[in-house]
Amino acid sequence: ARGQDEKLVINNHVLGGARTFSDVHPGDG
């Protein structure tokens, strides 16, 4: 597991971290 402030890239999509699903908007990765 990475820190929530770290970014990850998968197939050119840049993603931030979160604690759990409800911490981001529906449809957000």
PDB file of all heavy atoms in Angstrom:
ATOM      1  N   ALA A   1       0.822  -1.207   0.000  1.00  0.00           N
ATOM      2  CA  ALA A   1       0.000   0.000   0.000  1.00  0.00           C
ATOM      3  C   ALA A   1       0.860   1.263   0.000  1.00  0.00           C
ATOM      4  O   ALA A   1       1.907   1.322   0.646  1.00  0.00           O
ATOM      5  CB  ALA A   1      -0.917  -0.014   1.208  1.00  0.00           C
ATOM      6  N   ARG A   2       0.427   2.246  -0.741  1.00  0.00           N
ATOM      7  CA  ARG A   2       1.121   3.524  -0.850  1.00  0.00           C
ATOM      8  C   ARG A   2       0.387   4.591  -0.050  1.00  0.00           C
ATOM      9  O   ARG A   2      -0.796   4.467   0.253  1.00  0.00           O
ATOM     10  CB  ARG A   2       1.214   3.953  -2.323  1.00  0.00           C
ATOM     11  CG  ARG A   2       2.032   3.006  -3.195  1.00  0.00           C
ATOM     12  CD  ARG A   2       3.452   2.878  -2.668  1.00  0.00           C
ATOM     13  NE  ARG A   2       4.355   2.226  -3.591  1.00  0.00           N
ATOM     14  CZ  ARG A   2       4.875   1.022  -3.430  1.00  0.00           C
ATOM     15  NH1 ARG A   2       4.540   0.300  -2.371  1.00  0.00           N
ATOM     16  NH2 ARG A   2       5.718   0.524  -4.305  1.00  0.00           N
ATOM     17  N   GLY A   3       1.101   5.673   0.261  1.00  0.00           N
ATOM     18  CA  GLY A   3       0.483   6.780   0.976  1.00  0.00           C
ATOM     19  C   GLY A   3      -0.577   7.458   0.126  1.00  0.00           C
ATOM     20  O   GLY A   3      -0.503   7.463  -1.104  1.00  0.00           O
ATOM     21  N   GLN A   4      -1.560   8.045   0.786  1.00  0.00           N
ATOM     22  CA  GLN A   4      -2.658   8.667   0.066  1.00  0.00           C
ATOM     23  C   GLN A   4      -2.219   9.870  -0.763  1.00  0.00           C
ATOM     24  O   GLN A   4      -2.892  10.251  -1.723  1.00  0.00           O
ATOM     25  CB  GLN A   4      -3.752   9.085   1.048  1.00  0.00           C
ATOM     26  CG  GLN A   4      -4.431   7.905   1.730  1.00  0.00           C
ATOM     27  CD  GLN A   4      -5.519   8.325   2.693  1.00  0.00           C
ATOM     28  OE1 GLN A   4      -6.142   9.369   2.529  1.00  0.00           O
ATOM     29  NE2 GLN A   4      -5.748   7.514   3.720  1.00  0.00           N
ATOM     30  N   ASP A   5      -1.086  10.455  -0.422  1.00  0.00           N
ATOM     31  CA  ASP A   5      -0.608  11.618  -1.178  1.00  0.00           C
ATOM     32  C   ASP A   5       0.231  11.224  -2.393  1.00  0.00           C
ATOM     33  O   ASP A   5       0.633  12.090  -3.180  1.00  0.00           O
ATOM     34  CB  ASP A   5       0.202  12.545  -0.276  1.00  0.00           C
ATOM     35  CG  ASP A   5       1.392  11.850   0.375  1.00  0.00           C
ATOM     36  OD1 ASP A   5       1.413  10.599   0.399  1.00  0.00           O
ATOM     37  OD2 ASP A   5       2.287  12.559   0.879  1.00  0.00           O
ATOM     38  N   GLU A   6       0.482   9.936  -2.569  1.00  0.00           N
ATOM     39  CA  GLU A   6       1.263   9.479  -3.715  1.00  0.00           C
ATOM     40  C   GLU A   6       0.362   9.262  -4.928  1.00  0.00           C
ATOM     41  O   GLU A   6      -0.803   8.902  -4.804  1.00  0.00           O
ATOM     42  CB  GLU A   6       1.996   8.179  -3.384  1.00  0.00           C
ATOM     43  CG  GLU A   6       3.069   8.332  -2.317  1.00  0.00           C
ATOM     44  CD  GLU A   6       3.874   7.064  -2.136  1.00  0.00           C
ATOM     45  OE1 GLU A   6       4.254   6.462  -3.164  1.00  0.00           O
ATOM     46  OE2 GLU A   6       4.097   6.667  -0.986  1.00  0.00           O
ATOM     47  N   LYS A   7       0.934   9.471  -6.101  1.00  0.00           N
ATOM     48  CA  LYS A   7       0.213   9.255  -7.356  1.00  0.00           C
ATOM     49  C   LYS A   7       0.666   7.934  -7.986  1.00  0.00           C
ATOM     50  O   LYS A   7       1.842   7.565  -7.921  1.00  0.00           O
ATOM     51  CB  LYS A   7       0.494  10.397  -8.346  1.00  0.00           C
ATOM     52  CG  LYS A   7       0.134  11.779  -7.833  1.00  0.00           C
ATOM     53  CD  LYS A   7      -1.368  11.968  -7.723  1.00  0.00           C
ATOM     54  CE  LYS A   7      -1.701  13.414  -7.343  1.00  0.00           C
ATOM     55  NZ  LYS A   7      -3.169  13.600  -7.169  1.00  0.00           N
ATOM     56  N   LEU A   8      -0.279   7.249  -8.601  1.00  0.00           N
ATOM     57  CA  LEU A   8       0.025   6.043  -9.359  1.00  0.00           C
ATOM     58  C   LEU A   8      -0.510   6.215 -10.782  1.00  0.00           C
ATOM     59  O   LEU A   8      -1.511   6.905 -10.998  1.00  0.00           O
ATOM     60  CB  LEU A   8      -0.616   4.814  -8.729  1.00  0.00           C
ATOM     61  CG  LEU A   8      -0.033   4.292  -7.416  1.00  0.00           C
ATOM     62  CD1 LEU A   8      -0.786   3.044  -6.981  1.00  0.00           C
ATOM     63  CD2 LEU A   8       1.452   3.998  -7.543  1.00  0.00           C
ATOM     64  N   VAL A   9       0.161   5.556 -11.721  1.00  0.00           N
ATOM     65  CA  VAL A   9      -0.252   5.626 -13.120  1.00  0.00           C
ATOM     66  C   VAL A   9      -0.553   4.228 -13.618  1.00  0.00           C
ATOM     67  O   VAL A   9       0.242   3.298 -13.437  1.00  0.00           O
ATOM     68  CB  VAL A   9       0.840   6.264 -13.999  1.00  0.00           C
ATOM     69  CG1 VAL A   9       0.390   6.311 -15.460  1.00  0.00           C
ATOM     70  CG2 VAL A   9       1.183   7.668 -13.513  1.00  0.00           C
ATOM     71  N   ILE A  10      -1.724   4.077 -14.247  1.00  0.00           N
ATOM     72  CA  ILE A  10      -2.095   2.817 -14.869  1.00  0.00           C
ATOM     73  C   ILE A  10      -2.706   3.138 -16.230  1.00  0.00           C
ATOM     74  O   ILE A  10      -3.671   3.891 -16.335  1.00  0.00           O
ATOM     75  CB  ILE A  10      -3.063   1.999 -13.978  1.00  0.00           C
ATOM     76  CG1 ILE A  10      -3.399   0.662 -14.638  1.00  0.00           C
ATOM     77  CG2 ILE A  10      -4.317   2.791 -13.611  1.00  0.00           C
ATOM     78  CD1 ILE A  10      -4.093  -0.323 -13.707  1.00  0.00           C
ATOM     79  N   ASN A  11      -2.091   2.616 -17.277  1.00  0.00           N
ATOM     80  CA  ASN A  11      -2.550   2.874 -18.653  1.00  0.00           C
ATOM     81  C   ASN A  11      -2.816   4.361 -18.904  1.00  0.00           C
ATOM     82  O   ASN A  11      -3.867   4.758 -19.422  1.00  0.00           O
ATOM     83  CB  ASN A  11      -3.797   2.040 -18.963  1.00  0.00           C
ATOM     84  CG  ASN A  11      -3.454   0.597 -19.265  1.00  0.00           C
ATOM     85  OD1 ASN A  11      -2.299   0.251 -19.517  1.00  0.00           O
ATOM     86  ND2 ASN A  11      -4.459  -0.268 -19.225  1.00  0.00           N
ATOM     87  N   ASN A  12      -1.848   5.185 -18.494  1.00  0.00           N
ATOM     88  CA  ASN A  12      -1.871   6.641 -18.704  1.00  0.00           C
ATOM     89  C   ASN A  12      -2.904   7.376 -17.855  1.00  0.00           C
ATOM     90  O   ASN A  12      -3.096   8.590 -18.035  1.00  0.00           O
ATOM     91  CB  ASN A  12      -2.096   6.985 -20.180  1.00  0.00           C
ATOM     92  CG  ASN A  12      -0.988   6.465 -21.071  1.00  0.00           C
ATOM     93  OD1 ASN A  12       0.197   6.586 -20.729  1.00  0.00           O
ATOM     94  ND2 ASN A  12      -1.341   5.857 -22.198  1.00  0.00           N
ATOM     95  N   HIS A  13      -3.526   6.720 -16.923  1.00  0.00           N
ATOM     96  CA  HIS A  13      -4.432   7.372 -15.981  1.00  0.00           C
ATOM     97  C   HIS A  13      -3.665   7.644 -14.684  1.00  0.00           C
ATOM     98  O   HIS A  13      -3.095   6.714 -14.096  1.00  0.00           O
ATOM     99  CB  HIS A  13      -5.642   6.492 -15.687  1.00  0.00           C
ATOM    100  CG  HIS A  13      -6.522   6.252 -16.870  1.00  0.00           C
ATOM    101  ND1 HIS A  13      -7.572   7.075 -17.195  1.00  0.00           N
ATOM    102  CD2 HIS A  13      -6.507   5.266 -17.804  1.00  0.00           C
ATOM    103  CE1 HIS A  13      -8.181   6.611 -18.274  1.00  0.00           C
ATOM    104  NE2 HIS A  13      -7.544   5.516 -18.672  1.00  0.00           N
ATOM    105  N   VAL A  14      -3.656   8.869 -14.237  1.00  0.00           N
ATOM    106  CA  VAL A  14      -2.965   9.249 -13.008  1.00  0.00           C
ATOM    107  C   VAL A  14      -3.987   9.260 -11.867  1.00  0.00           C
ATOM    108  O   VAL A  14      -5.007   9.955 -11.945  1.00  0.00           O
ATOM    109  CB  VAL A  14      -2.301  10.629 -13.142  1.00  0.00           C
ATOM    110  CG1 VAL A  14      -1.574  10.987 -11.838  1.00  0.00           C
ATOM    111  CG2 VAL A  14      -1.330  10.637 -14.320  1.00  0.00           C
ATOM    112  N   LEU A  15      -3.683   8.503 -10.808  1.00  0.00           N
ATOM    113  CA  LEU A  15      -4.629   8.352  -9.710  1.00  0.00           C
ATOM    114  C   LEU A  15      -4.035   8.801  -8.392  1.00  0.00           C
ATOM    115  O   LEU A  15      -2.883   8.491  -8.081  1.00  0.00           O
ATOM    116  CB  LEU A  15      -5.042   6.876  -9.573  1.00  0.00           C
ATOM    117  CG  LEU A  15      -5.636   6.193 -10.801  1.00  0.00           C
ATOM    118  CD1 LEU A  15      -5.874   4.721 -10.502  1.00  0.00           C
ATOM    119  CD2 LEU A  15      -6.931   6.875 -11.209  1.00  0.00           C
ATOM    120  N   GLY A  16      -4.833   9.517  -7.625  1.00  0.00           N
ATOM    121  CA  GLY A  16      -4.456   9.843  -6.264  1.00  0.00           C
ATOM    122  C   GLY A  16      -4.944   8.764  -5.314  1.00  0.00           C
ATOM    123  O   GLY A  16      -5.650   7.829  -5.713  1.00  0.00           O
ATOM    124  N   GLY A  17      -4.568   8.899  -4.051  1.00  0.00           N
ATOM    125  CA  GLY A  17      -4.955   7.912  -3.062  1.00  0.00           C
ATOM    126  C   GLY A  17      -6.130   8.384  -2.225  1.00  0.00           C
ATOM    127  O   GLY A  17      -6.446   9.569  -2.155  1.00  0.00           O
ATOM    128  N   ALA A  18      -6.798   7.438  -1.607  1.00  0.00           N
ATOM    129  CA  ALA A  18      -7.892   7.725  -0.690  1.00  0.00           C
ATOM    130  C   ALA A  18      -7.924   6.626   0.368  1.00  0.00           C
ATOM    131  O   ALA A  18      -7.341   5.550   0.196  1.00  0.00           O
ATOM    132  CB  ALA A  18      -9.226   7.790  -1.429  1.00  0.00           C
ATOM    133  N   ARG A  19      -8.627   6.905   1.462  1.00  0.00           N
ATOM    134  CA  ARG A  19      -8.731   5.915   2.523  1.00  0.00           C
ATOM    135  C   ARG A  19      -9.716   4.819   2.164  1.00  0.00           C
ATOM    136  O   ARG A  19      -9.477   3.645   2.409  1.00  0.00           O
ATOM    137  CB  ARG A  19      -9.159   6.597   3.824  1.00  0.00           C
ATOM    138  CG  ARG A  19      -9.210   5.671   5.042  1.00  0.00           C
ATOM    139  CD  ARG A  19      -9.719   6.431   6.271  1.00  0.00           C
ATOM    140  NE  ARG A  19     -11.096   6.852   6.071  1.00  0.00           N
ATOM    141  CZ  ARG A  19     -12.165   6.095   6.348  1.00  0.00           C
ATOM    142  NH1 ARG A  19     -11.997   4.872   6.829  1.00  0.00           N
ATOM    143  NH2 ARG A  19     -13.373   6.555   6.147  1.00  0.00           N
ATOM    144  N   THR A  20     -10.863   5.213   1.557  1.00  0.00           N
ATOM    145  CA  THR A  20     -11.888   4.241   1.197  1.00  0.00           C
ATOM    146  C   THR A  20     -12.763   4.805   0.085  1.00  0.00           C
ATOM    147  O   THR A  20     -12.596   5.957  -0.335  1.00  0.00           O
ATOM    148  CB  THR A  20     -12.747   3.857   2.425  1.00  0.00           C
ATOM    149  OG1 THR A  20     -13.574   2.735   2.086  1.00  0.00           O
ATOM    150  CG2 THR A  20     -13.591   5.012   2.907  1.00  0.00           C
ATOM    151  N   PHE A  21     -13.689   4.027  -0.399  1.00  0.00           N
ATOM    152  CA  PHE A  21     -14.487   4.357  -1.577  1.00  0.00           C
ATOM    153  C   PHE A  21     -15.270   5.652  -1.411  1.00  0.00           C
ATOM    154  O   PHE A  21     -15.302   6.504  -2.294  1.00  0.00           O
ATOM    155  CB  PHE A  21     -15.451   3.203  -1.888  1.00  0.00           C
ATOM    156  CG  PHE A  21     -14.753   1.929  -2.262  1.00  0.00           C
ATOM    157  CD1 PHE A  21     -14.258   1.072  -1.280  1.00  0.00           C
ATOM    158  CD2 PHE A  21     -14.572   1.575  -3.585  1.00  0.00           C
ATOM    159  CE1 PHE A  21     -13.607  -0.095  -1.625  1.00  0.00           C
ATOM    160  CE2 PHE A  21     -13.921   0.406  -3.945  1.00  0.00           C
ATOM    161  CZ  PHE A  21     -13.434  -0.431  -2.961  1.00  0.00           C
ATOM    162  N   SER A  22     -15.918   5.811  -0.275  1.00  0.00           N
ATOM    163  CA  SER A  22     -16.788   6.975  -0.087  1.00  0.00           C
ATOM    164  C   SER A  22     -16.027   8.285   0.055  1.00  0.00           C
ATOM    165  O   SER A  22     -16.642   9.351   0.103  1.00  0.00           O
ATOM    166  CB  SER A  22     -17.681   6.766   1.143  1.00  0.00           C
ATOM    167  OG  SER A  22     -16.894   6.581   2.313  1.00  0.00           O
ATOM    168  N   ASP A  23     -14.702   8.212   0.101  1.00  0.00           N
ATOM    169  CA  ASP A  23     -13.905   9.442   0.186  1.00  0.00           C
ATOM    170  C   ASP A  23     -13.715  10.109  -1.174  1.00  0.00           C
ATOM    171  O   ASP A  23     -13.136  11.196  -1.248  1.00  0.00           O
ATOM    172  CB  ASP A  23     -12.532   9.149   0.807  1.00  0.00           C
ATOM    173  CG  ASP A  23     -12.622   8.825   2.289  1.00  0.00           C
ATOM    174  OD1 ASP A  23     -13.690   9.084   2.890  1.00  0.00           O
ATOM    175  OD2 ASP A  23     -11.641   8.301   2.859  1.00  0.00           O
ATOM    176  N   VAL A  24     -14.160   9.462  -2.239  1.00  0.00           N
ATOM    177  CA  VAL A  24     -14.084  10.071  -3.574  1.00  0.00           C
ATOM    178  C   VAL A  24     -15.485  10.068  -4.184  1.00  0.00           C
ATOM    179  O   VAL A  24     -16.383   9.354  -3.744  1.00  0.00           O
ATOM    180  CB  VAL A  24     -13.095   9.316  -4.492  1.00  0.00           C
ATOM    181  CG1 VAL A  24     -11.707   9.259  -3.862  1.00  0.00           C
ATOM    182  CG2 VAL A  24     -13.592   7.911  -4.799  1.00  0.00           C
ATOM    183  N   HIS A  25     -15.662  10.874  -5.209  1.00  0.00           N
ATOM    184  CA  HIS A  25     -16.968  10.970  -5.864  1.00  0.00           C
ATOM    185  C   HIS A  25     -17.262   9.700  -6.664  1.00  0.00           C
ATOM    186  O   HIS A  25     -16.346   9.045  -7.171  1.00  0.00           O
ATOM    187  CB  HIS A  25     -17.007  12.174  -6.801  1.00  0.00           C
ATOM    188  CG  HIS A  25     -16.883  13.496  -6.101  1.00  0.00           C
ATOM    189  ND1 HIS A  25     -17.836  13.958  -5.224  1.00  0.00           N
ATOM    190  CD2 HIS A  25     -15.918  14.453  -6.167  1.00  0.00           C
ATOM    191  CE1 HIS A  25     -17.474  15.137  -4.769  1.00  0.00           C
ATOM    192  NE2 HIS A  25     -16.305  15.460  -5.318  1.00  0.00           N
ATOM    193  N   PRO A  26     -18.553   9.343  -6.800  1.00  0.00           N
ATOM    194  CA  PRO A  26     -18.905   8.211  -7.657  1.00  0.00           C
ATOM    195  C   PRO A  26     -18.332   8.381  -9.064  1.00  0.00           C
ATOM    196  O   PRO A  26     -18.391   9.467  -9.640  1.00  0.00           O
ATOM    197  CB  PRO A  26     -20.438   8.248  -7.673  1.00  0.00           C
ATOM    198  CG  PRO A  26     -20.806   8.865  -6.366  1.00  0.00           C
ATOM    199  CD  PRO A  26     -19.744   9.912  -6.130  1.00  0.00           C
ATOM    200  N   GLY A  27     -17.729   7.328  -9.569  1.00  0.00           N
ATOM    201  CA  GLY A  27     -17.119   7.366 -10.892  1.00  0.00           C
ATOM    202  C   GLY A  27     -15.651   7.742 -10.890  1.00  0.00           C
ATOM    203  O   GLY A  27     -14.991   7.609 -11.926  1.00  0.00           O
ATOM    204  N   ASP A  28     -15.130   8.209  -9.743  1.00  0.00           N
ATOM    205  CA  ASP A  28     -13.719   8.602  -9.660  1.00  0.00           C
ATOM    206  C   ASP A  28     -12.853   7.389  -9.316  1.00  0.00           C
ATOM    207  O   ASP A  28     -13.225   6.548  -8.496  1.00  0.00           O
ATOM    208  CB  ASP A  28     -13.507   9.675  -8.609  1.00  0.00           C
ATOM    209  CG  ASP A  28     -13.968  11.041  -9.071  1.00  0.00           C
ATOM    210  OD1 ASP A  28     -14.348  11.176 -10.251  1.00  0.00           O
ATOM    211  OD2 ASP A  28     -13.960  11.978  -8.244  1.00  0.00           O
ATOM    212  N   GLY A  29     -11.666   7.341  -9.921  1.00  0.00           N
ATOM    213  CA  GLY A  29     -10.707   6.291  -9.628  1.00  0.00           C
ATOM    214  C   GLY A  29      -9.717   6.726  -8.569  1.00  0.00           C
ATOM    215  O   GLY A  29      -9.450   7.933  -8.412  1.00  0.00           O
TER     216      GLY A  29
END
